Amino acid sequence: MGFIPGVPKFDTSFVVLAMEASVEAIFLSTFVLISQNRMAAAADKRPDLDLQISLLTEHELTKLSQLVVEIAKRLDIQAHADPELQEVQRDIAPEVVLDEIEAQQEKN
């Protein structure tokens, strides 16, 4: 505005300043949208990974329960009559479940 010697007088309408702020806002909003898209893509992958981990854990626990039942048989413990234990021993193949989920997603 002419108060500082050696610095040219600034446009009093602040048009240039408004233009710079607008350009800065455009770049800032673009960068924010790009980062949100990346975060959304990562968030979309997390449920699939959680499902795979859960299926693998269930598969491993099934194997462990079968091993425990075999140990119980050797020790003459009647564990095989428990209906909950029979349910736990049913093996679920993670690959089959994932294939079925993918098939359902393709239909939709």
Protein backbone atom coordinates (compact mmCIF):
# COMPACT_ATOMS: atom_id res chain seq x y z
CA MET A 1 0.00 0.00 0.00
CA GLY A 2 3.04 2.22 -0.24
CA PHE A 3 4.02 2.30 3.44
CA ILE A 4 7.29 0.41 3.00
CA PRO A 5 9.95 2.22 0.98
CA GLY A 6 11.36 0.23 -1.94
CA VAL A 7 8.28 -1.97 -2.24
CA PRO A 8 5.96 -0.99 -5.06
CA LYS A 9 2.48 0.11 -4.15
CA PHE A 10 0.10 -2.88 -4.02
CA ASP A 11 -3.16 -2.90 -5.92
CA THR A 12 -5.71 -1.63 -3.45
CA SER A 13 -8.46 -3.80 -4.88
CA PHE A 14 -6.57 -6.93 -3.73
CA VAL A 15 -7.49 -8.70 -6.97
CA VAL A 16 -4.11 -10.39 -7.24
CA LEU A 17 -4.27 -11.52 -3.63
CA ALA A 18 -7.74 -12.97 -4.13
CA MET A 19 -6.57 -14.79 -7.26
CA GLU A 20 -3.59 -16.30 -5.41
CA ALA A 21 -5.84 -17.43 -2.57
CA SER A 22 -8.24 -19.02 -5.06
CA VAL A 23 -5.46 -20.90 -6.83
CA GLU A 24 -4.10 -22.06 -3.49
CA ALA A 25 -7.55 -23.29 -2.47
CA ILE A 26 -7.88 -25.22 -5.74
CA PHE A 27 -4.56 -26.98 -5.20
CA LEU A 28 -5.30 -27.66 -1.55
CA SER A 29 -8.71 -29.16 -2.28
CA THR A 30 -7.21 -31.31 -5.05
CA PHE A 31 -4.55 -32.69 -2.71
CA VAL A 32 -7.14 -33.36 -0.01
CA LEU A 33 -9.36 -35.26 -2.46
CA ILE A 34 -6.43 -37.33 -3.71
CA SER A 35 -5.45 -38.31 -0.18
CA GLN A 36 -9.08 -39.15 0.69
CA ASN A 37 -9.31 -41.42 -2.36
CA ARG A 38 -6.14 -43.23 -1.31
CA MET A 39 -7.43 -43.63 2.24
CA ALA A 40 -10.77 -44.94 0.94
CA ALA A 41 -9.00 -47.50 -1.25
CA ALA A 42 -6.99 -48.71 1.74
CA ALA A 43 -10.14 -48.84 3.88
CA ASP A 44 -11.88 -50.95 1.22
CA LYS A 45 -9.08 -53.53 1.41
CA ARG A 46 -9.19 -53.89 5.21
CA PRO A 47 -12.48 -55.82 5.47
CA ASP A 48 -11.29 -58.33 2.88
CA LEU A 49 -8.07 -58.86 4.78
CA ASP A 50 -9.95 -59.20 8.07
CA LEU A 51 -12.22 -61.83 6.50
CA GLN A 52 -9.29 -63.82 5.18
CA ILE A 53 -7.55 -63.72 8.54
CA SER A 54 -10.73 -64.81 10.32
CA LEU A 55 -11.25 -67.71 7.91
CA LEU A 56 -7.67 -68.88 8.28
CA THR A 57 -7.94 -68.63 12.07
CA GLU A 58 -11.12 -70.70 12.05
CA HIS A 59 -9.44 -73.28 9.83
CA GLU A 60 -6.47 -73.52 12.20
CA LEU A 61 -8.72 -73.75 15.27
CA THR A 62 -10.63 -76.58 13.62
CA LYS A 63 -7.38 -78.49 13.16
CA LEU A 64 -6.44 -77.82 16.79
CA SER A 65 -9.81 -79.06 18.06
CA GLN A 66 -9.41 -82.24 16.03
CA LEU A 67 -5.99 -82.74 17.58
CA VAL A 68 -7.41 -82.20 21.09
CA VAL A 69 -10.15 -84.77 20.42
CA GLU A 70 -7.56 -87.29 19.29
CA ILE A 71 -5.57 -86.66 22.47
CA ALA A 72 -8.77 -87.09 24.51
CA LYS A 73 -9.44 -90.43 22.79
CA ARG A 74 -5.99 -91.69 23.72
CA LEU A 75 -6.61 -90.65 27.32
CA ASP A 76 -10.05 -92.35 27.31
CA ILE A 77 -11.94 -89.08 27.78
CA GLN A 78 -15.41 -89.03 26.20
CA ALA A 79 -15.25 -85.70 24.39
CA HIS A 80 -16.67 -86.72 21.03
CA ALA A 81 -20.28 -86.81 22.32
CA ASP A 82 -20.40 -83.04 22.85
CA PRO A 83 -22.49 -81.48 20.01
CA GLU A 84 -20.64 -78.16 20.25
CA LEU A 85 -17.35 -79.92 19.78
CA GLN A 86 -18.69 -81.69 16.70
CA GLU A 87 -19.71 -78.31 15.29
CA VAL A 88 -16.25 -76.91 15.94
CA GLN A 89 -14.64 -79.87 14.20
CA ARG A 90 -16.44 -79.25 10.94
CA ASP A 91 -13.76 -77.89 8.67
CA ILE A 92 -14.48 -74.82 6.59
CA ALA A 93 -12.17 -74.34 3.63
CA PRO A 94 -11.25 -70.64 3.42
CA GLU A 95 -10.77 -70.85 -0.36
CA VAL A 96 -14.33 -72.09 -0.89
CA VAL A 97 -15.83 -69.31 1.23
CA LEU A 98 -13.81 -66.63 -0.56
CA ASP A 99 -14.76 -68.05 -3.96
CA GLU A 100 -18.43 -68.02 -2.98
CA ILE A 101 -18.19 -64.39 -1.79
CA GLU A 102 -16.53 -63.36 -5.07
CA ALA A 103 -19.23 -65.18 -7.05
CA GLN A 104 -21.94 -63.33 -5.10
CA GLN A 105 -20.23 -59.99 -5.71
CA GLU A 106 -20.02 -60.65 -9.44
CA LYS A 107 -23.77 -61.36 -9.56
CA ASN A 108 -24.48 -57.98 -7.95
